[in-house]
Protein backbone atom coordinates (compact mmCIF):
# COMPACT_ATOMS: atom_id res chain seq x y z
CA MET A 1 101.18 119.90 96.63
CA ASP A 2 98.44 121.23 98.90
CA ASN A 3 99.95 121.20 102.40
CA LYS A 4 96.49 121.18 103.97
CA ARG A 5 95.23 118.24 101.91
CA ARG A 6 95.17 114.80 103.45
CA THR A 7 94.27 111.39 102.12
CA VAL A 8 91.17 110.03 103.80
CA ILE A 9 89.63 106.57 103.72
CA THR A 10 86.03 107.03 102.57
CA GLY A 11 85.16 103.36 102.18
CA ILE A 12 86.48 100.09 103.54
CA GLY A 13 85.64 96.41 103.15
CA HIS A 14 87.07 92.93 103.45
CA TYR A 15 86.32 89.46 102.18
CA VAL A 16 87.42 85.97 103.13
CA PRO A 17 86.42 82.77 101.31
CA PRO A 18 83.64 80.79 103.04
CA ARG A 19 85.65 77.61 103.69
CA VAL A 20 86.88 77.51 107.29
CA VAL A 21 89.86 75.28 108.12
CA THR A 22 90.37 74.67 111.83
CA ASN A 23 93.46 73.42 113.59
CA PHE A 24 91.65 70.12 114.06
CA ASP A 25 91.22 69.92 110.28
CA LEU A 26 94.97 70.46 109.90
CA GLU A 27 95.66 67.63 112.35
CA LYS A 28 94.29 65.29 109.68
CA MET A 29 96.56 66.78 106.99
CA ILE A 30 99.79 67.60 108.79
CA ASN A 31 101.84 66.17 111.63
CA THR A 32 100.71 68.87 114.09
CA SER A 33 98.16 69.54 116.83
CA ASP A 34 95.64 72.18 117.85
CA ASP A 35 97.53 72.79 121.11
CA TRP A 36 100.85 73.26 119.30
CA ILE A 37 99.39 75.75 116.79
CA ARG A 38 97.49 77.76 119.42
CA GLU A 39 100.46 77.96 121.77
CA ARG A 40 102.98 79.09 119.15
CA THR A 41 100.82 81.23 116.87
CA GLY A 42 97.48 82.06 118.49
CA ILE A 43 95.68 80.75 115.41
CA VAL A 44 92.48 78.72 115.85
CA GLU A 45 91.14 78.72 112.30
CA ARG A 46 91.69 80.27 108.90
CA HIS A 47 89.81 80.60 105.60
CA TRP A 48 91.00 78.82 102.46
CA ALA A 49 89.76 79.38 98.93
CA GLU A 50 88.36 76.57 96.84
CA PRO A 51 90.21 75.39 93.69
CA GLY A 52 89.50 77.68 90.75
CA VAL A 53 89.35 80.84 92.88
CA GLY A 54 92.19 83.31 92.37
CA THR A 55 93.66 86.14 94.40
CA SER A 56 92.06 88.64 92.02
CA ASP A 57 88.63 87.14 92.83
CA LEU A 58 89.15 87.77 96.55
CA ALA A 59 90.44 91.27 95.78
CA THR A 60 87.40 92.06 93.64
CA GLU A 61 84.98 90.99 96.36
CA ALA A 62 86.72 93.19 98.93
CA ALA A 63 86.79 96.07 96.44
CA LEU A 64 83.04 95.83 95.85
CA ARG A 65 82.45 96.10 99.59
CA ALA A 66 84.71 99.13 99.90
CA ILE A 67 83.05 100.83 96.91
CA ALA A 68 79.60 100.26 98.43
CA ASP A 69 80.81 101.56 101.79
CA ALA A 70 82.13 104.73 100.14
CA GLY A 71 78.81 105.29 98.43
CA ILE A 72 80.42 105.95 95.06
CA ASP A 73 79.90 104.56 91.59
CA ARG A 74 82.75 102.31 90.57
CA SER A 75 83.21 104.41 87.42
CA GLU A 76 84.48 107.25 89.64
CA ILE A 77 87.64 105.32 90.54
CA ASP A 78 90.56 106.77 88.62
CA PHE A 79 93.44 104.55 89.79
CA ILE A 80 94.04 101.09 91.30
CA ILE A 81 96.84 99.96 93.58
CA ALA A 82 96.99 96.23 94.36
CA ALA A 83 99.28 94.60 96.91
CA THR A 84 99.94 90.85 96.96
CA LEU A 85 102.72 88.27 97.01
CA SER A 86 100.40 85.63 95.53
CA PRO A 87 99.11 86.89 92.17
CA ASP A 88 96.94 84.68 89.99
CA HIS A 89 99.81 84.31 87.55
CA TYR A 90 103.58 84.83 87.46
CA PHE A 91 102.67 87.87 85.38
CA PRO A 92 100.77 90.13 84.97
CA GLY A 93 99.84 91.34 88.45
CA ILE A 94 96.31 91.36 89.82
CA GLY A 95 95.72 95.12 89.44
CA VAL A 96 94.63 94.85 85.82
CA MET A 97 92.54 91.77 86.60
CA VAL A 98 90.63 93.65 89.29
CA GLN A 99 90.19 96.55 86.86
CA ALA A 100 88.65 94.20 84.28
CA LYS A 101 86.45 92.33 86.76
CA LEU A 102 85.05 95.59 88.08
CA GLY A 103 84.41 96.77 84.52
CA LEU A 104 86.37 99.97 84.98
CA GLY A 105 87.69 102.17 82.22
CA GLU A 106 91.27 102.18 80.99
CA ILE A 107 92.64 103.55 84.25
CA GLY A 108 96.10 102.78 85.56
CA ALA A 109 96.77 99.81 87.81
CA LEU A 110 99.88 99.60 89.97
CA ASP A 111 101.02 96.35 91.60
CA VAL A 112 103.01 96.44 94.83
CA ARG A 113 105.20 93.50 95.85
CA ASP A 114 106.22 94.15 99.44
CA GLN A 115 104.70 91.03 100.94
CA CYS A 116 103.41 91.47 104.51
CA SER A 117 104.28 95.18 104.36
CA GLY A 118 102.39 95.58 101.10
CA PHE A 119 99.39 97.50 102.42
CA ILE A 120 101.53 100.14 104.12
CA TYR A 121 103.77 100.51 101.07
CA ALA A 122 100.70 100.81 98.84
CA LEU A 123 99.08 103.31 101.19
CA SER A 124 102.23 105.44 101.08
CA ALA A 125 102.12 105.52 97.27
CA ALA A 126 98.41 106.29 97.21
CA ASP A 127 98.89 109.09 99.73
CA GLN A 128 101.36 110.83 97.43
CA TYR A 129 99.05 110.54 94.42
CA ILE A 130 96.13 111.99 96.36
CA ARG A 131 98.04 114.80 98.06
CA THR A 132 99.59 115.96 94.79
CA GLY A 133 96.22 115.93 93.04
CA THR A 134 97.23 113.27 90.53
CA TYR A 135 94.18 111.15 91.35
CA LYS A 136 90.97 111.83 93.27
CA LYS A 137 89.58 108.36 94.01
CA ILE A 138 91.98 105.46 94.41
CA LEU A 139 91.03 101.85 95.03
CA LEU A 140 93.70 100.20 97.17
CA VAL A 141 93.26 96.47 97.59
CA ALA A 142 95.48 93.92 99.34
CA ALA A 143 94.73 90.26 98.76
CA GLU A 144 96.38 86.90 99.32
CA LEU A 145 95.75 83.28 98.41
CA GLN A 146 98.52 81.10 99.80
CA SER A 147 96.61 77.94 100.67
CA SER A 148 97.27 76.53 97.19
CA ASN A 149 101.04 76.41 97.71
CA LEU A 150 101.73 75.06 101.19
CA ASP A 151 104.11 72.25 102.11
CA PHE A 152 102.30 69.75 104.32
CA SER A 153 105.43 67.67 104.95
CA ASP A 154 107.25 67.78 108.30
CA GLU A 155 109.73 70.19 106.74
CA GLY A 156 107.05 72.71 105.82
CA ARG A 157 104.44 72.25 108.53
CA ASP A 158 105.56 75.23 110.66
CA MET A 159 104.65 77.57 107.79
CA ALA A 160 101.69 75.59 106.46
CA VAL A 161 99.69 76.14 109.66
CA LEU A 162 100.14 79.92 109.49
CA PHE A 163 98.45 81.11 106.34
CA GLY A 164 94.91 82.03 105.47
CA ASP A 165 93.34 83.56 102.38
CA GLY A 166 91.54 86.89 102.25
CA ALA A 167 91.43 90.47 101.02
CA GLY A 168 90.88 93.98 102.31
CA ALA A 169 90.22 97.16 100.34
CA VAL A 170 89.88 100.89 100.88
CA ILE A 171 88.73 103.84 98.80
CA LEU A 172 91.03 106.84 99.23
CA GLU A 173 90.03 110.43 98.46
CA PRO A 174 91.37 113.93 99.22
CA ASN A 175 90.25 115.76 102.33
CA ASP A 176 90.73 119.51 101.94
CA SER A 177 88.60 120.54 104.90
CA GLY A 178 91.49 121.08 107.29
CA ASP A 179 89.77 119.02 110.01
CA GLY A 180 92.89 116.89 110.49
CA ARG A 181 91.35 113.63 109.31
CA GLY A 182 93.34 111.32 107.06
CA VAL A 183 96.76 109.79 106.59
CA LEU A 184 99.27 111.71 108.69
CA SER A 185 102.45 109.95 107.55
CA CYS A 186 103.95 106.70 106.28
CA HIS A 187 107.45 105.39 107.00
CA LEU A 188 109.06 102.63 104.94
CA PHE A 189 112.17 100.51 105.57
CA SER A 190 113.96 97.48 104.12
CA ASP A 191 117.07 95.34 104.51
CA GLY A 192 117.75 93.02 101.59
CA ARG A 193 120.55 91.21 103.39
CA PHE A 194 117.86 88.95 104.84
CA VAL A 195 116.20 87.94 101.57
CA ASN A 196 116.72 84.21 102.00
CA GLU A 197 115.52 84.15 105.61
CA LEU A 198 111.91 84.34 104.39
CA TRP A 199 111.30 83.63 100.74
CA MET A 200 110.06 81.39 97.98
CA GLU A 201 113.26 80.51 96.16
CA LYS A 202 111.69 79.32 92.90
CA PRO A 203 110.67 80.20 90.26
CA SER A 204 113.73 82.30 89.52
CA SER A 205 114.71 84.17 86.36
CA LYS A 206 118.30 83.11 87.07
CA ASP A 207 117.43 79.55 86.06
CA ASN A 208 117.23 78.52 82.44
CA PRO A 209 114.81 76.86 82.04
CA THR A 210 112.97 78.44 84.93
CA PHE A 211 110.90 75.38 85.79
CA ARG A 212 112.73 72.11 86.32
CA THR A 213 111.57 68.83 87.81
CA GLU A 214 114.28 68.81 90.47
CA PHE A 215 113.05 72.15 91.84
CA PHE A 216 109.67 70.58 92.57
CA GLU A 217 111.27 67.46 94.02
CA GLN A 218 113.44 69.63 96.30
CA GLY A 219 110.43 71.65 97.48
CA LYS A 220 111.92 74.95 96.31
CA PHE A 221 108.55 76.25 95.14
CA TYR A 222 107.29 76.34 98.73
CA PRO A 223 107.74 79.32 101.08
CA ARG A 224 110.55 78.84 103.62
CA MET A 225 111.36 80.76 106.76
CA ASN A 226 114.08 80.99 109.40
CA GLY A 227 111.55 81.35 112.19
CA ARG A 228 113.88 82.59 114.92
CA THR A 229 115.46 85.30 112.78
CA VAL A 230 112.09 86.49 111.48
CA PHE A 231 110.55 86.50 114.96
CA LYS A 232 113.37 88.56 116.46
CA ASN A 233 113.44 91.09 113.64
CA ALA A 234 109.66 91.47 113.57
CA CYS A 235 109.54 92.09 117.33
CA ASP A 236 112.30 94.71 117.02
CA ARG A 237 111.48 96.41 113.74
CA MET A 238 107.76 97.07 114.11
CA PRO A 239 108.10 99.01 117.38
CA GLN A 240 111.05 100.91 115.89
CA ALA A 241 108.93 101.91 112.89
CA VAL A 242 106.10 103.11 115.14
CA LEU A 243 108.44 105.12 117.36
CA PHE A 244 110.09 106.63 114.27
CA GLY A 245 106.71 107.80 113.02
CA LEU A 246 105.61 109.16 116.38
CA LYS A 247 108.81 111.20 116.64
CA HIS A 248 108.25 112.53 113.12
CA LEU A 249 104.74 113.63 114.07
CA GLY A 250 105.65 114.97 117.50
CA LEU A 251 103.38 112.43 119.19
CA THR A 252 103.80 109.78 121.89
CA VAL A 253 102.68 106.18 122.33
CA GLY A 254 99.99 107.49 124.67
CA ASP A 255 98.40 109.38 121.77
CA ILE A 256 97.65 106.11 119.92
CA ASP A 257 94.05 104.94 120.29
CA TYR A 258 94.58 101.67 118.43
CA LEU A 259 97.61 99.87 117.04
CA ILE A 260 97.03 97.44 114.18
CA PRO A 261 100.09 95.28 113.59
CA HIS A 262 100.41 92.84 110.74
CA GLN A 263 98.84 89.61 111.96
CA ALA A 264 101.84 87.31 111.53
CA ASN A 265 101.83 85.54 114.87
CA ASP A 266 99.96 86.51 118.02
CA ARG A 267 103.13 86.21 120.09
CA ILE A 268 104.76 88.79 117.81
CA SER A 269 101.80 91.16 118.26
CA GLN A 270 102.11 90.78 122.03
CA MET A 271 105.85 91.42 121.90
CA VAL A 272 105.29 94.54 119.78
CA ALA A 273 102.82 95.81 122.39
CA ARG A 274 105.36 95.22 125.14
CA GLY A 275 108.13 96.86 123.16
CA LEU A 276 106.00 99.98 122.79
CA LYS A 277 104.62 99.76 126.33
CA ILE A 278 101.13 100.05 124.91
CA PRO A 279 98.23 98.25 126.65
CA GLU A 280 97.20 95.06 124.85
CA GLU A 281 93.58 96.25 124.79
CA LYS A 282 94.75 98.97 122.38
CA VAL A 283 96.21 96.37 120.01
CA ILE A 284 93.79 94.98 117.43
CA ARG A 285 94.39 91.26 116.97
CA ASN A 286 92.30 88.88 114.85
CA ILE A 287 94.82 86.24 113.82
CA SER A 288 92.87 83.59 115.77
CA LYS A 289 90.12 83.73 113.12
CA TYR A 290 92.06 84.30 109.92
CA GLY A 291 95.67 83.19 110.33
CA ASN A 292 98.34 85.19 108.54
CA THR A 293 96.77 86.77 105.47
CA THR A 294 100.01 88.56 104.58
CA ALA A 295 99.38 91.92 102.83
CA ALA A 296 95.65 91.61 103.52
CA SER A 297 95.96 91.26 107.30
CA ILE A 298 96.06 94.96 108.21
CA PRO A 299 93.12 96.07 106.01
CA ILE A 300 91.04 93.09 107.17
CA ALA A 301 91.69 93.98 110.81
CA LEU A 302 91.07 97.67 110.12
CA SER A 303 87.82 96.89 108.31
CA GLU A 304 86.56 94.70 111.15
CA ALA A 305 87.40 97.33 113.77
CA VAL A 306 85.61 100.04 111.80
CA LYS A 307 82.54 97.90 111.15
CA ASP A 308 82.15 96.83 114.80
CA GLY A 309 82.49 100.39 116.07
CA ARG A 310 85.80 100.15 117.90
CA ILE A 311 87.37 102.74 115.63
CA LYS A 312 85.59 106.07 115.87
CA PRO A 313 86.08 109.48 114.22
CA GLY A 314 89.00 111.44 115.60
CA MET A 315 90.94 108.40 116.80
CA LEU A 316 94.63 108.02 116.02
CA ILE A 317 95.30 104.65 114.38
CA ALA A 318 98.84 103.34 114.02
CA LEU A 319 99.60 100.59 111.50
CA THR A 320 102.81 98.58 111.39
CA ALA A 321 104.01 95.59 109.41
CA PHE A 322 107.06 93.43 108.88
CA GLY A 323 107.67 90.84 106.22
CA ALA A 324 109.83 89.16 103.62
CA GLY A 325 112.58 91.23 102.08
CA PHE A 326 112.98 92.17 104.88
CA THR A 327 110.54 95.08 104.55
CA TRP A 328 108.76 96.90 107.34
CA GLY A 329 107.04 100.18 108.01
CA SER A 330 104.42 102.20 109.84
CA ALA A 331 101.53 104.48 108.96
CA PHE A 332 99.41 106.83 111.04
CA ILE A 333 95.80 107.73 110.31
CA ARG A 334 93.59 110.26 112.07
CA TRP A 335 90.20 108.63 111.62
């Protein structure tokens, strides 16, 4: 491994489907209100895909934007990493589908299933491949389409108002210049004791047959969450992951130019800022426009901040996420 080499983002892009669903639209579908949603989540609207559109379609659109931004030919990509909890099919994952839709050669495609932490987990894997010289141009895409499997009953409404569809993608390449730019470190954590606090219980390989009518009738194919437990852990774990990474790098919270947390709930993002004692103006938050796009939320927010000029060369960007599993982590990038 070249100790000087770092993994740098050379292209970035995001895509959300054109259909906008406001809180007022949800009032007509669910027993909820715009005031309730805004107060508890900070969400005003989200984007939902139309029937017939799959997660791999969103991923491909984001990938095309990242490829164009990098100024490379798609044939130069030599590996794909795709992160999602909502693949088009139970199997295979979306990595190979993105590979086919982009018309790439017979390159490898790795699928990462770490839910809301998926982008950071995928970035960690990509960083190792780049730094060891295994691959030179990696497409990392995180995409989600959850609007097709939401429970609009009173039992499921607290989760149904949260989710939006979208995708973010980056092109990753080696930087051997020694200028300090690139991924500085990634830090990954998990605690499987909390699996059933945030999960989709069915389908399950433990059941034979896997799909049974009573599972649908019982709503076990919908995502479920213990909101209080998830909220508390997210507010605790994300700051812990950031502080762990800063200590590893010999840096302080004051060195961070921007923090991009997973956009799960705006109250969580605010609590993370308070836990780190970082000014809220240094915390990038866009959940009001997109809702919770799970693995895609960090790259969408990063892409927006790069495109609008907030993120500039030389800045230290901290990423942190928390999600089902429980999984959580942090990553630090010198832009």
